[in-house]
Amino acid sequence: MANNQKSVSSSGGSPPEEEGSGSPQGGVVDRRARGGGVARSQLVVAAVLAAAVLLAYVRADSPVIATQAIVTGLLIGGVYGLVAMGLTLIFGVLDIVNFAHGAFLAVALFLTWWLASSVGFNPYLTMVVTVPAMFALGYAVQRGILSGAMGKPLENQLLITLGISLVIENALLLFFGADPRSVPLPSNPAIGIFGAVADLSRILAFVGALVLAGLLFVILRRTRLGTAIRAVASNDAGAQLVGIDTRRIYALTFAIGTACAGAAGTLVAPLVTVEPSTGALFNIVAFVVVVIGGMGNVVGALIGGLVIGLAEQLGSIFLPGQSPLLSVFIVFVLVLFLKPQGLFGRTS
C-alpha cells in the first residue's frame, strides 16, 4: 500500500514509534507525552460534557426534559458508535474512506424488514442472519472489487466506494420500491429511566451496540486475528515479512466492518423508516463520529458516537426549532478547529 504507517487502535494505545524519534529513552518520553495529550483530551471532553449537561438542566423548562434528552442521546449514541467502529476499522487497516458503509447498513435494514414481516422472525433475532450475510457481502466486495484499488490514489478508492453505494441504493430501489416501510415489533413498552421514558427498542439497541463493541474489542485485543489486524494496520510490509497474509486480513477487516454496519442496521430497524436512502443519514453521522473520535481509533469511535448522540439531543434544548444536525456539526467544526486529529487521535 502507499502508506505503511497506518494505525488502528482498539484501546487508545500508543501507535508505532515514528522514525527519527531518537534514542529509545527519547521514544519513551515521546510516547508518554502523546499519552498525556490524549488523557488531557479525555478530561477536556468530560468537563465540556458535564458543563453542557448542567447548562441543559438550567435552560430546560423542566428537569425531566433535560433528563429525557440525555437518556435518548446516550441510547442513540451507542448505535452511532457501532456504525462508526466498522467505518474507522476499515480506514485504520485498509486506508479506505468507505462511502458505501451507509448503503451496507441499508441492505441490513431491508433484510431485517423482510425476515420480520415475511418470514415472521423477531426483528432482533434476525441478527443471526444479517450479520453473517453482511460479513460475507463485505468479504466478497473487498476481494472482488476493492482489492484492485489497494495502494492506488485515494480518489480511485473514493470513487469506487461511492459507485458501490449508488449501485446498492438503486438496486434496493429497483427491487423494493420507494415506499417507506417499518419493522413490526411484538411489543415495545416504555420504560422509566431516572424520570425519563425510553422505548424498549431503544434500550435493546443501546445494549446490543455495547455488547457488540465489547466483542469487537476482544477480537482485536485477545485473538490471533486481532493481533494480525493490528500488525497490518501498523505496518503491512512488516506484517508480510513475518508471514501474515495481508490480502486475507484486508478482506476480513472489511468484512468485520461491514458486519458492524449490518448489526447496527438490525438494531435500529425498529426505530427508523426503512427506505433505500436511510443509510445515507447514518453514513454522514458515522463520518462525523470517526473524525471526532480519531481516524482509526475504535474506542474513540464509540465515545465519539455517545458525544454526537448527546449533542444531537441537547441541541433541541439549546437551539429549539433547529435541525438536530446543526448542533452535531457545530461540535464537529469545533473539534476540527481545536484538535484536527480528533479527540483521541494523535499527531503523526
Protein backbone atom coordinates (compact mmCIF):
# COMPACT_ATOMS: atom_id res chain seq x y z
CA MET A 1 0.00 0.00 0.00
CA ALA A 2 1.01 3.58 -0.47
CA ASN A 3 1.25 4.30 3.25
CA ASN A 4 2.79 1.71 5.52
CA GLN A 5 2.42 3.76 8.71
CA LYS A 6 -1.29 3.21 9.26
CA SER A 7 -2.73 2.69 12.69
CA VAL A 8 -5.87 1.23 14.18
CA SER A 9 -6.28 1.40 17.92
CA SER A 10 -8.74 -0.70 19.88
CA SER A 11 -7.83 0.74 23.23
CA GLY A 12 -6.20 4.07 22.59
CA GLY A 13 -2.75 2.55 22.97
CA SER A 14 0.38 4.12 21.57
CA PRO A 15 0.96 3.84 17.85
CA PRO A 16 4.20 2.54 16.43
CA GLU A 17 7.18 4.74 17.13
CA GLU A 18 7.90 7.17 14.29
CA GLU A 19 11.20 7.19 12.51
CA GLY A 20 13.73 9.65 13.80
CA SER A 21 12.40 9.57 17.35
CA GLY A 22 15.92 9.49 18.65
CA SER A 23 17.13 7.22 21.39
CA PRO A 24 14.91 4.59 22.96
CA GLN A 25 14.71 6.78 26.04
CA GLY A 26 13.54 9.68 23.89
CA GLY A 27 10.95 7.41 22.26
CA VAL A 28 9.57 6.51 25.70
CA VAL A 29 9.32 10.20 26.57
CA ASP A 30 7.54 10.88 23.26
CA ARG A 31 5.04 8.11 23.89
CA ARG A 32 4.38 9.39 27.41
CA ALA A 33 3.85 12.87 26.02
CA ARG A 34 1.39 11.58 23.44
CA GLY A 35 -0.45 9.54 26.09
CA GLY A 36 -0.61 12.62 28.30
CA GLY A 37 -2.09 14.60 25.43
CA VAL A 38 -4.83 12.01 24.95
CA ALA A 39 -5.53 11.97 28.70
CA ARG A 40 -5.87 15.75 28.66
CA SER A 41 -8.27 15.47 25.73
CA GLN A 42 -10.37 12.96 27.65
CA LEU A 43 -10.51 15.28 30.67
CA VAL A 44 -11.48 18.24 28.49
CA VAL A 45 -14.23 16.22 26.80
CA ALA A 46 -15.57 15.05 30.17
CA ALA A 47 -15.53 18.62 31.51
CA VAL A 48 -17.29 20.04 28.45
CA LEU A 49 -19.95 17.32 28.53
CA ALA A 50 -20.54 17.88 32.25
CA ALA A 51 -20.89 21.63 31.65
CA ALA A 52 -23.29 21.02 28.74
CA VAL A 53 -25.43 18.70 30.88
CA LEU A 54 -25.59 21.20 33.74
CA LEU A 55 -26.45 24.03 31.36
CA ALA A 56 -29.17 21.88 29.79
CA TYR A 57 -30.81 21.50 33.19
CA VAL A 58 -30.63 25.27 33.64
CA ARG A 59 -32.09 26.09 30.21
CA ALA A 60 -34.76 23.39 30.05
CA ASP A 61 -38.26 24.25 31.18
CA SER A 62 -38.29 21.12 33.31
CA PRO A 63 -35.56 18.81 34.63
CA VAL A 64 -37.43 15.90 33.05
CA ILE A 65 -36.90 17.43 29.59
CA ALA A 66 -33.13 17.59 30.13
CA THR A 67 -33.04 14.04 31.53
CA GLN A 68 -35.04 12.80 28.56
CA ALA A 69 -32.60 14.43 26.13
CA ILE A 70 -29.59 12.90 27.91
CA VAL A 71 -31.07 9.40 28.06
CA THR A 72 -32.19 9.49 24.42
CA GLY A 73 -28.85 10.91 23.32
CA LEU A 74 -26.86 8.18 25.03
CA LEU A 75 -29.11 5.43 23.69
CA ILE A 76 -28.88 6.53 20.06
CA GLY A 77 -25.21 7.48 20.51
CA GLY A 78 -24.31 3.88 21.26
CA VAL A 79 -25.70 2.84 17.88
CA TYR A 80 -23.86 5.68 16.15
CA GLY A 81 -20.69 4.41 17.77
CA LEU A 82 -21.27 0.88 16.48
CA VAL A 83 -21.75 2.14 12.92
CA ALA A 84 -18.64 4.31 13.19
CA MET A 85 -16.49 1.50 14.65
CA GLY A 86 -16.88 -0.52 11.46
CA LEU A 87 -16.02 2.53 9.39
CA THR A 88 -12.95 3.51 11.41
CA LEU A 89 -11.69 -0.10 11.48
CA ILE A 90 -11.79 -0.23 7.68
CA PHE A 91 -9.96 3.08 7.42
CA GLY A 92 -7.36 2.16 10.03
CA VAL A 93 -6.34 -1.05 8.26
CA LEU A 94 -7.13 -0.52 4.58
CA ASP A 95 -6.70 3.27 4.33
CA ILE A 96 -10.06 3.35 2.55
CA VAL A 97 -12.70 6.00 3.21
CA ASN A 98 -15.73 3.78 2.67
CA PHE A 99 -18.64 5.79 1.27
CA ALA A 100 -20.61 2.54 0.83
CA HIS A 101 -20.86 1.97 4.59
CA GLY A 102 -24.32 3.52 4.85
CA ALA A 103 -25.53 1.54 1.84
CA PHE A 104 -24.47 -1.71 3.56
CA LEU A 105 -26.49 -0.61 6.59
CA ALA A 106 -29.50 -0.06 4.29
CA VAL A 107 -29.12 -3.63 2.97
CA ALA A 108 -29.27 -4.90 6.56
CA LEU A 109 -32.37 -2.77 7.19
CA PHE A 110 -34.21 -4.32 4.26
CA LEU A 111 -33.04 -7.83 5.14
CA THR A 112 -34.29 -7.33 8.70
CA TRP A 113 -37.61 -5.96 7.43
CA TRP A 114 -38.08 -8.90 5.05
CA LEU A 115 -37.26 -11.54 7.66
CA ALA A 116 -39.50 -9.88 10.26
CA SER A 117 -42.52 -9.11 8.06
CA SER A 118 -42.48 -12.00 5.57
CA VAL A 119 -40.79 -14.87 7.42
CA GLY A 120 -42.01 -13.94 10.90
CA PHE A 121 -38.67 -13.62 12.68
CA ASN A 122 -38.36 -11.49 15.78
CA PRO A 123 -36.53 -8.37 14.45
CA TYR A 124 -33.64 -8.77 16.88
CA LEU A 125 -33.22 -12.48 16.20
CA THR A 126 -32.68 -11.65 12.52
CA MET A 127 -29.18 -10.64 13.56
CA VAL A 128 -28.14 -14.29 13.33
CA VAL A 129 -28.81 -13.94 9.60
CA THR A 130 -27.98 -10.31 8.84
CA VAL A 131 -24.55 -10.19 10.48
CA PRO A 132 -23.13 -13.29 8.70
CA ALA A 133 -24.77 -12.16 5.45
CA MET A 134 -23.19 -8.70 5.67
CA PHE A 135 -19.85 -10.25 6.65
CA ALA A 136 -19.96 -12.40 3.50
CA LEU A 137 -21.03 -9.43 1.36
CA GLY A 138 -18.19 -7.28 2.72
CA TYR A 139 -15.65 -10.04 2.12
CA ALA A 140 -16.85 -10.51 -1.47
CA VAL A 141 -16.84 -6.77 -2.21
CA GLN A 142 -13.30 -6.33 -0.91
CA ARG A 143 -11.85 -9.35 -2.71
CA GLY A 144 -13.80 -8.83 -5.91
CA ILE A 145 -13.80 -5.04 -6.30
CA LEU A 146 -11.67 -3.14 -3.80
CA SER A 147 -8.59 -5.36 -3.79
CA GLY A 148 -7.52 -3.91 -7.14
CA ALA A 149 -7.67 -0.39 -5.70
CA MET A 150 -5.33 -1.10 -2.78
CA GLY A 151 -2.29 1.16 -2.98
CA LYS A 152 -3.85 3.26 -5.74
CA PRO A 153 -4.55 7.01 -5.43
CA LEU A 154 -7.14 7.96 -2.82
CA GLU A 155 -9.57 9.36 -5.37
CA ASN A 156 -9.77 5.93 -7.05
CA GLN A 157 -10.91 4.33 -3.80
CA LEU A 158 -13.37 7.13 -3.07
CA LEU A 159 -14.98 6.83 -6.49
CA ILE A 160 -15.19 3.04 -6.25
CA THR A 161 -16.89 3.06 -2.84
CA LEU A 162 -19.19 5.87 -3.96
CA GLY A 163 -20.08 3.81 -7.02
CA ILE A 164 -20.79 0.76 -4.86
CA SER A 165 -23.07 2.90 -2.70
CA LEU A 166 -25.03 4.16 -5.72
CA VAL A 167 -25.38 0.64 -7.14
CA ILE A 168 -26.67 -0.75 -3.82
CA GLU A 169 -29.15 2.10 -3.25
CA ASN A 170 -30.53 1.86 -6.77
CA ALA A 171 -30.74 -1.93 -6.56
CA LEU A 172 -32.79 -1.61 -3.36
CA LEU A 173 -34.97 0.99 -5.08
CA LEU A 174 -35.48 -1.32 -8.05
CA PHE A 175 -36.40 -4.41 -6.02
CA PHE A 176 -38.31 -2.86 -3.11
CA GLY A 177 -39.53 0.47 -4.48
CA ALA A 178 -39.50 3.85 -2.77
CA ASP A 179 -42.40 3.23 -0.37
CA PRO A 180 -41.35 3.70 3.27
CA ARG A 181 -41.64 0.63 5.49
CA SER A 182 -41.46 -0.11 9.18
CA VAL A 183 -40.29 -3.18 11.07
CA PRO A 184 -43.03 -4.63 13.30
CA LEU A 185 -42.30 -5.37 16.95
CA PRO A 186 -44.29 -7.84 19.07
CA SER A 187 -44.30 -5.25 21.89
CA ASN A 188 -42.41 -2.07 22.62
CA PRO A 189 -43.25 -0.91 26.15
CA ALA A 190 -41.95 2.35 27.57
CA ILE A 191 -39.51 2.02 30.46
CA GLY A 192 -38.75 4.72 33.01
CA ILE A 193 -35.10 5.75 33.47
CA PHE A 194 -34.38 8.40 36.14
CA GLY A 195 -37.65 10.13 35.37
CA ALA A 196 -37.23 9.89 31.60
CA VAL A 197 -39.00 7.41 29.34
CA ALA A 198 -37.36 5.20 26.74
CA ASP A 199 -38.87 2.60 24.46
CA LEU A 200 -37.63 -0.94 24.98
CA SER A 201 -36.41 -0.96 21.36
CA ARG A 202 -34.02 1.93 22.05
CA ILE A 203 -32.67 0.25 25.17
CA LEU A 204 -32.14 -3.04 23.34
CA ALA A 205 -30.36 -1.19 20.51
CA PHE A 206 -28.03 0.51 23.00
CA VAL A 207 -27.28 -2.68 24.96
CA GLY A 208 -26.73 -4.61 21.73
CA ALA A 209 -24.35 -1.95 20.46
CA LEU A 210 -22.30 -2.08 23.68
CA VAL A 211 -22.17 -5.88 23.63
CA LEU A 212 -21.02 -5.94 20.01
CA ALA A 213 -18.50 -3.18 20.71
CA GLY A 214 -17.09 -5.26 23.56
CA LEU A 215 -16.93 -8.31 21.29
CA LEU A 216 -15.03 -6.31 18.67
CA PHE A 217 -12.63 -5.09 21.35
CA VAL A 218 -11.97 -8.66 22.49
CA ILE A 219 -11.39 -9.80 18.89
CA LEU A 220 -8.87 -7.03 18.31
CA ARG A 221 -7.02 -7.42 21.60
CA ARG A 222 -7.29 -11.11 22.57
CA THR A 223 -7.25 -13.17 19.38
CA ARG A 224 -4.68 -14.12 16.77
CA LEU A 225 -6.84 -12.48 14.11
CA GLY A 226 -6.90 -9.26 16.11
CA THR A 227 -3.13 -9.36 16.52
CA ALA A 228 -2.74 -9.83 12.77
CA ILE A 229 -5.14 -6.95 12.06
CA ARG A 230 -3.22 -4.62 14.36
CA ALA A 231 0.08 -5.72 12.83
CA VAL A 232 -1.15 -4.98 9.31
CA ALA A 233 -2.57 -1.67 10.46
CA SER A 234 0.77 -0.73 11.99
CA ASN A 235 2.98 -1.80 9.08
CA ASP A 236 1.69 -4.00 6.29
CA ALA A 237 5.12 -4.56 4.76
CA GLY A 238 6.50 -5.75 8.09
CA ALA A 239 3.45 -7.98 8.58
CA GLN A 240 4.15 -9.64 5.22
CA LEU A 241 7.76 -10.29 6.26
CA VAL A 242 6.61 -12.27 9.31
CA GLY A 243 4.24 -14.41 7.22
CA ILE A 244 0.87 -12.66 7.60
CA ASP A 245 -1.36 -12.92 4.53
CA THR A 246 -2.20 -9.23 4.24
CA ARG A 247 -4.68 -9.71 1.40
CA ARG A 248 -6.71 -12.05 3.60
CA ILE A 249 -6.51 -9.62 6.53
CA TYR A 250 -7.71 -6.75 4.30
CA ALA A 251 -10.74 -8.81 3.25
CA LEU A 252 -11.53 -9.98 6.78
CA THR A 253 -11.21 -6.46 8.18
CA PHE A 254 -13.54 -5.04 5.55
CA ALA A 255 -15.94 -7.91 6.24
CA ILE A 256 -15.89 -7.22 10.00
CA GLY A 257 -16.51 -3.52 9.40
CA THR A 258 -19.42 -4.34 7.09
CA ALA A 259 -20.80 -6.79 9.67
CA CYS A 260 -20.78 -3.93 12.20
CA ALA A 261 -22.92 -1.91 9.78
CA GLY A 262 -25.20 -4.93 9.41
CA ALA A 263 -25.59 -5.31 13.17
CA ALA A 264 -26.34 -1.61 13.53
CA GLY A 265 -28.92 -1.86 10.75
CA THR A 266 -30.75 -4.64 12.57
CA LEU A 267 -30.63 -2.81 15.91
CA VAL A 268 -32.05 0.44 14.51
CA ALA A 269 -34.56 -1.18 12.13
CA PRO A 270 -37.48 -0.87 14.60
CA LEU A 271 -36.58 2.80 15.22
CA VAL A 272 -36.37 4.19 11.69
CA THR A 273 -38.27 4.26 8.43
CA VAL A 274 -36.85 1.62 6.11
CA GLU A 275 -36.02 3.22 2.75
CA PRO A 276 -33.15 2.78 0.25
CA SER A 277 -31.75 6.17 1.28
CA THR A 278 -31.97 5.61 5.06
CA GLY A 279 -28.34 4.55 5.27
CA ALA A 280 -27.15 7.89 3.86
CA LEU A 281 -28.00 9.78 7.05
CA PHE A 282 -26.17 7.23 9.19
CA ASN A 283 -23.24 7.49 6.77
CA ILE A 284 -22.95 11.24 7.36
CA VAL A 285 -23.15 10.87 11.14
CA ALA A 286 -20.67 7.96 11.10
CA PHE A 287 -18.06 10.03 9.25
CA VAL A 288 -18.51 12.84 11.78
CA VAL A 289 -18.10 10.37 14.66
CA VAL A 290 -14.99 8.82 13.11
CA VAL A 291 -13.29 12.20 12.69
CA ILE A 292 -14.25 13.34 16.19
CA GLY A 293 -13.07 10.12 17.82
CA GLY A 294 -9.82 9.99 15.81
CA MET A 295 -9.38 8.22 12.49
CA GLY A 296 -8.58 4.56 13.10
CA ASN A 297 -9.41 4.60 16.83
CA VAL A 298 -12.12 2.03 17.59
CA VAL A 299 -12.74 3.07 21.21
CA GLY A 300 -12.69 6.71 20.11
CA ALA A 301 -15.47 5.89 17.64
CA LEU A 302 -17.69 4.52 20.41
CA ILE A 303 -17.08 7.51 22.67
CA GLY A 304 -17.47 9.87 19.72
CA GLY A 305 -20.84 8.25 19.00
CA LEU A 306 -22.00 8.94 22.54
CA VAL A 307 -20.80 12.56 22.26
CA ILE A 308 -22.65 13.06 18.98
CA GLY A 309 -25.79 11.42 20.33
CA LEU A 310 -25.76 13.82 23.29
CA ALA A 311 -25.02 16.81 21.05
CA GLU A 312 -27.92 15.90 18.78
CA GLN A 313 -30.44 15.69 21.62
CA LEU A 314 -29.14 18.55 23.78
CA GLY A 315 -29.22 20.75 20.68
CA SER A 316 -33.01 20.68 20.87
CA ILE A 317 -32.71 22.45 24.23
CA PHE A 318 -30.01 24.95 23.32
CA LEU A 319 -31.24 25.56 19.75
CA PRO A 320 -35.01 24.91 19.77
CA GLY A 321 -36.68 24.72 16.38
CA GLN A 322 -33.44 23.92 14.54
CA SER A 323 -32.36 20.72 12.83
CA PRO A 324 -30.74 18.22 15.24
CA LEU A 325 -27.79 18.02 12.85
CA LEU A 326 -26.99 21.70 13.44
CA SER A 327 -25.62 21.05 16.93
CA VAL A 328 -23.80 17.97 15.62
CA PHE A 329 -21.94 19.98 13.01
CA ILE A 330 -21.19 22.77 15.48
CA VAL A 331 -19.41 20.19 17.64
CA PHE A 332 -17.74 18.76 14.52
CA VAL A 333 -16.37 22.14 13.41
CA LEU A 334 -15.14 22.97 16.91
CA VAL A 335 -13.25 19.68 17.16
CA LEU A 336 -11.69 20.19 13.72
CA PHE A 337 -10.62 23.67 14.70
CA LEU A 338 -9.23 22.81 18.14
CA LYS A 339 -7.92 19.25 17.57
CA PRO A 340 -7.89 18.29 13.87
CA GLN A 341 -6.61 14.76 14.56
CA GLY A 342 -9.71 14.01 16.68
CA LEU A 343 -10.30 13.86 20.41
CA PHE A 344 -8.49 10.52 20.77
CA GLY A 345 -6.20 10.75 17.76
CA ARG A 346 -2.51 11.58 17.81
CA THR A 347 -0.43 13.84 15.65
CA SER A 348 1.69 11.84 13.19
